[in-house]
């Protein structure tokens, strides 16, 4: 069932929307930033990292290799995928 509170939180942030839309597969923050620029040119690297931290904190994404010092990859959780599908109508 869709978590309406999290859906609204993502919907109200253009940067959050851009990052969520870019995250289809496990990706590093740098890859997410590069893909997110299609949707929001103003997104910066620190903004991307802040958004990813918010996603992890709220359970929308997880770091798949948390012990890595470089190249940490992030993947959407089932809740994150559900919000992504509803918000952007993607498969």
N, C-alpha and C. Protein backbone atom coordinates (compact mmCIF):
# COMPACT_ATOMS: atom_id res chain seq x y z
N UNK A 1 0.84 -1.18 0.00
CA UNK A 1 0.00 0.00 0.00
C UNK A 1 0.88 1.24 0.00
N UNK A 2 0.52 2.20 -0.81
CA UNK A 2 1.30 3.43 -0.98
C UNK A 2 1.32 4.25 0.31
N UNK A 3 2.52 4.64 0.72
CA UNK A 3 2.69 5.50 1.89
C UNK A 3 2.49 6.94 1.41
N UNK A 4 1.33 7.50 1.70
CA UNK A 4 0.96 8.82 1.20
C UNK A 4 1.89 9.91 1.73
N UNK A 5 2.32 9.79 2.97
CA UNK A 5 3.21 10.79 3.57
C UNK A 5 4.54 10.85 2.79
N UNK A 6 5.12 9.69 2.48
CA UNK A 6 6.36 9.66 1.72
C UNK A 6 6.14 10.10 0.28
N UNK A 7 5.02 9.74 -0.29
CA UNK A 7 4.70 10.16 -1.66
C UNK A 7 4.67 11.68 -1.75
N UNK A 8 4.01 12.31 -0.81
CA UNK A 8 3.91 13.78 -0.79
C UNK A 8 5.28 14.40 -0.57
N UNK A 9 6.09 13.81 0.32
CA UNK A 9 7.43 14.32 0.58
C UNK A 9 8.26 14.34 -0.70
N UNK A 10 8.19 13.28 -1.48
CA UNK A 10 8.93 13.23 -2.74
C UNK A 10 8.31 14.20 -3.74
N UNK A 11 7.01 14.22 -3.84
CA UNK A 11 6.31 15.05 -4.81
C UNK A 11 6.61 16.54 -4.61
N UNK A 12 6.78 16.95 -3.38
CA UNK A 12 7.00 18.37 -3.08
C UNK A 12 8.43 18.83 -3.32
N UNK A 13 9.34 17.95 -3.70
CA UNK A 13 10.73 18.34 -3.93
C UNK A 13 11.17 18.03 -5.35
N UNK A 14 11.52 19.05 -6.10
CA UNK A 14 11.96 18.82 -7.48
C UNK A 14 13.23 18.00 -7.54
N UNK A 15 14.15 18.25 -6.61
CA UNK A 15 15.39 17.47 -6.58
C UNK A 15 15.10 16.02 -6.21
N UNK A 16 14.21 15.81 -5.25
CA UNK A 16 13.85 14.44 -4.88
C UNK A 16 13.20 13.72 -6.05
N UNK A 17 12.33 14.42 -6.79
CA UNK A 17 11.69 13.81 -7.95
C UNK A 17 12.72 13.41 -9.00
N UNK A 18 13.67 14.30 -9.28
CA UNK A 18 14.69 14.02 -10.29
C UNK A 18 15.53 12.81 -9.91
N UNK A 19 15.93 12.74 -8.64
CA UNK A 19 16.75 11.61 -8.20
C UNK A 19 15.94 10.32 -8.25
N UNK A 20 14.71 10.36 -7.79
CA UNK A 20 13.87 9.15 -7.81
C UNK A 20 13.64 8.67 -9.24
N UNK A 21 13.40 9.60 -10.14
CA UNK A 21 13.16 9.23 -11.53
C UNK A 21 14.40 8.60 -12.16
N UNK A 22 15.58 9.05 -11.76
CA UNK A 22 16.83 8.53 -12.31
C UNK A 22 17.17 7.14 -11.78
N UNK A 23 16.67 6.78 -10.63
CA UNK A 23 17.05 5.52 -9.97
C UNK A 23 16.21 4.34 -10.46
N UNK A 24 16.67 3.68 -11.50
CA UNK A 24 15.97 2.49 -11.97
C UNK A 24 16.71 1.22 -11.60
N UNK A 25 18.02 1.32 -11.51
CA UNK A 25 18.88 0.18 -11.18
C UNK A 25 19.87 0.66 -10.12
N UNK A 26 20.61 -0.26 -9.49
CA UNK A 26 21.62 0.19 -8.53
C UNK A 26 22.65 1.10 -9.22
N UNK A 27 22.89 2.27 -8.63
CA UNK A 27 23.78 3.26 -9.22
C UNK A 27 24.55 3.98 -8.13
N UNK A 28 25.71 4.53 -8.51
CA UNK A 28 26.46 5.37 -7.57
C UNK A 28 25.83 6.76 -7.58
N UNK A 29 26.19 7.56 -6.58
CA UNK A 29 25.67 8.93 -6.49
C UNK A 29 26.06 9.72 -7.74
N UNK A 30 27.26 9.50 -8.23
CA UNK A 30 27.72 10.22 -9.43
C UNK A 30 26.88 9.83 -10.65
N UNK A 31 26.56 8.56 -10.79
CA UNK A 31 25.73 8.11 -11.91
C UNK A 31 24.31 8.67 -11.79
N UNK A 32 23.81 8.68 -10.56
CA UNK A 32 22.46 9.22 -10.32
C UNK A 32 22.44 10.70 -10.67
N UNK A 33 23.46 11.44 -10.28
CA UNK A 33 23.54 12.87 -10.59
C UNK A 33 23.54 13.08 -12.10
N UNK A 34 24.37 12.31 -12.81
CA UNK A 34 24.46 12.47 -14.27
C UNK A 34 23.11 12.20 -14.94
N UNK A 35 22.43 11.16 -14.52
CA UNK A 35 21.13 10.83 -15.12
C UNK A 35 20.05 11.83 -14.68
N UNK A 36 20.16 12.33 -13.45
CA UNK A 36 19.18 13.28 -12.92
C UNK A 36 19.21 14.62 -13.65
N UNK A 37 20.34 14.95 -14.24
CA UNK A 37 20.45 16.23 -14.95
C UNK A 37 19.49 16.33 -16.12
N UNK A 38 18.97 15.21 -16.61
CA UNK A 38 17.94 15.23 -17.65
C UNK A 38 16.66 15.89 -17.13
N UNK A 39 16.43 15.74 -15.84
CA UNK A 39 15.18 16.17 -15.23
C UNK A 39 15.31 17.47 -14.43
N UNK A 40 16.51 17.75 -13.93
CA UNK A 40 16.74 18.97 -13.15
C UNK A 40 18.20 19.37 -13.29
N UNK A 41 18.45 20.37 -14.12
CA UNK A 41 19.82 20.81 -14.40
C UNK A 41 20.49 21.48 -13.19
N UNK A 42 19.71 21.94 -12.23
CA UNK A 42 20.27 22.65 -11.08
C UNK A 42 20.77 21.73 -9.98
N UNK A 43 20.56 20.45 -10.12
CA UNK A 43 20.97 19.49 -9.10
C UNK A 43 22.49 19.43 -9.03
N UNK A 44 23.03 19.51 -7.81
CA UNK A 44 24.48 19.44 -7.61
C UNK A 44 24.84 18.14 -6.90
N UNK A 45 26.12 17.89 -6.81
CA UNK A 45 26.57 16.66 -6.13
C UNK A 45 26.17 16.65 -4.65
N UNK A 46 26.41 17.76 -3.91
CA UNK A 46 25.96 17.75 -2.50
C UNK A 46 24.45 17.57 -2.37
N UNK A 47 23.67 18.18 -3.28
CA UNK A 47 22.22 18.00 -3.25
C UNK A 47 21.84 16.54 -3.45
N UNK A 48 22.51 15.90 -4.39
CA UNK A 48 22.23 14.49 -4.67
C UNK A 48 22.53 13.64 -3.45
N UNK A 49 23.66 13.89 -2.82
CA UNK A 49 24.01 13.13 -1.60
C UNK A 49 23.00 13.37 -0.49
N UNK A 50 22.54 14.61 -0.33
CA UNK A 50 21.53 14.92 0.69
C UNK A 50 20.23 14.18 0.41
N UNK A 51 19.81 14.18 -0.85
CA UNK A 51 18.58 13.48 -1.23
C UNK A 51 18.72 11.99 -0.96
N UNK A 52 19.86 11.41 -1.33
CA UNK A 52 20.06 9.98 -1.10
C UNK A 52 20.04 9.66 0.39
N UNK A 53 20.66 10.50 1.21
CA UNK A 53 20.61 10.29 2.67
C UNK A 53 19.17 10.33 3.17
N UNK A 54 18.39 11.27 2.65
CA UNK A 54 16.97 11.36 3.02
C UNK A 54 16.19 10.13 2.60
N UNK A 55 16.49 9.62 1.40
CA UNK A 55 15.82 8.40 0.92
C UNK A 55 16.16 7.21 1.81
N UNK A 56 17.43 7.08 2.18
CA UNK A 56 17.85 5.96 3.03
C UNK A 56 17.20 6.09 4.40
N UNK A 57 17.21 7.29 4.96
CA UNK A 57 16.62 7.53 6.28
C UNK A 57 15.13 7.18 6.32
N UNK A 58 14.43 7.47 5.24
CA UNK A 58 12.99 7.24 5.19
C UNK A 58 12.61 5.87 4.62
N UNK A 59 13.61 5.07 4.26
CA UNK A 59 13.34 3.72 3.78
C UNK A 59 12.97 3.62 2.32
N UNK A 60 13.29 4.64 1.52
CA UNK A 60 12.98 4.59 0.10
C UNK A 60 14.12 3.99 -0.71
N UNK A 61 15.33 3.99 -0.14
CA UNK A 61 16.49 3.44 -0.83
C UNK A 61 17.43 2.81 0.20
N UNK A 62 18.30 1.94 -0.29
CA UNK A 62 19.33 1.33 0.55
C UNK A 62 20.66 1.41 -0.19
N UNK A 63 21.72 1.43 0.58
CA UNK A 63 23.06 1.35 0.02
C UNK A 63 23.39 -0.13 -0.07
N UNK A 64 23.69 -0.62 -1.27
CA UNK A 64 23.92 -2.05 -1.44
C UNK A 64 25.34 -2.48 -1.08
N UNK A 65 26.25 -1.52 -0.95
CA UNK A 65 27.63 -1.84 -0.54
C UNK A 65 28.11 -0.80 0.48
N UNK A 66 27.51 -0.78 1.68
CA UNK A 66 27.80 0.27 2.66
C UNK A 66 29.24 0.31 3.16
N UNK A 67 29.98 -0.76 3.05
CA UNK A 67 31.35 -0.76 3.55
C UNK A 67 32.34 -0.16 2.56
N UNK A 68 31.90 0.06 1.34
CA UNK A 68 32.78 0.65 0.32
C UNK A 68 33.05 2.11 0.68
N UNK A 69 34.31 2.49 0.59
CA UNK A 69 34.66 3.89 0.85
C UNK A 69 34.34 4.77 -0.35
N UNK A 70 34.42 4.20 -1.52
CA UNK A 70 34.12 4.91 -2.77
C UNK A 70 33.17 4.05 -3.59
N UNK A 71 32.39 4.71 -4.40
CA UNK A 71 31.52 3.97 -5.31
C UNK A 71 30.36 3.27 -4.64
N UNK A 72 29.83 3.86 -3.59
CA UNK A 72 28.65 3.25 -2.95
C UNK A 72 27.49 3.28 -3.93
N UNK A 73 26.79 2.17 -4.02
CA UNK A 73 25.66 2.07 -4.92
C UNK A 73 24.36 2.09 -4.13
N UNK A 74 23.38 2.76 -4.69
CA UNK A 74 22.07 2.90 -4.04
C UNK A 74 21.02 2.26 -4.92
N UNK A 75 20.05 1.64 -4.25
CA UNK A 75 18.96 0.96 -4.95
C UNK A 75 17.67 1.30 -4.22
N UNK A 76 16.59 1.44 -4.97
CA UNK A 76 15.29 1.72 -4.36
C UNK A 76 14.77 0.48 -3.63
N UNK A 77 14.10 0.70 -2.52
CA UNK A 77 13.41 -0.36 -1.80
C UNK A 77 12.05 -0.58 -2.48
N UNK A 78 11.31 -1.60 -2.07
CA UNK A 78 9.97 -1.77 -2.63
C UNK A 78 9.09 -0.53 -2.44
N UNK A 79 9.20 0.14 -1.29
CA UNK A 79 8.43 1.38 -1.08
C UNK A 79 8.87 2.45 -2.06
N UNK A 80 10.16 2.58 -2.28
CA UNK A 80 10.68 3.56 -3.23
C UNK A 80 10.23 3.26 -4.65
N UNK A 81 10.25 1.99 -5.01
CA UNK A 81 9.80 1.58 -6.35
C UNK A 81 8.32 1.89 -6.53
N UNK A 82 7.53 1.64 -5.49
CA UNK A 82 6.09 1.89 -5.58
C UNK A 82 5.82 3.38 -5.78
N UNK A 83 6.52 4.22 -5.05
CA UNK A 83 6.34 5.67 -5.20
C UNK A 83 6.80 6.10 -6.59
N UNK A 84 7.91 5.54 -7.05
CA UNK A 84 8.41 5.87 -8.40
C UNK A 84 7.38 5.50 -9.46
N UNK A 85 6.81 4.32 -9.35
CA UNK A 85 5.78 3.89 -10.32
C UNK A 85 4.58 4.81 -10.30
N UNK A 86 4.10 5.14 -9.12
CA UNK A 86 2.90 5.99 -9.00
C UNK A 86 3.17 7.41 -9.49
N UNK A 87 4.32 7.95 -9.15
CA UNK A 87 4.64 9.33 -9.47
C UNK A 87 4.91 9.52 -10.96
N UNK A 88 5.59 8.56 -11.56
CA UNK A 88 6.02 8.72 -12.96
C UNK A 88 5.36 7.74 -13.91
N UNK A 89 4.55 6.84 -13.38
CA UNK A 89 3.87 5.83 -14.20
C UNK A 89 4.85 5.06 -15.07
N UNK A 90 5.93 4.58 -14.43
CA UNK A 90 6.94 3.78 -15.13
C UNK A 90 6.88 2.35 -14.61
N UNK A 91 7.42 1.44 -15.38
CA UNK A 91 7.47 0.02 -14.98
C UNK A 91 8.76 -0.27 -14.29
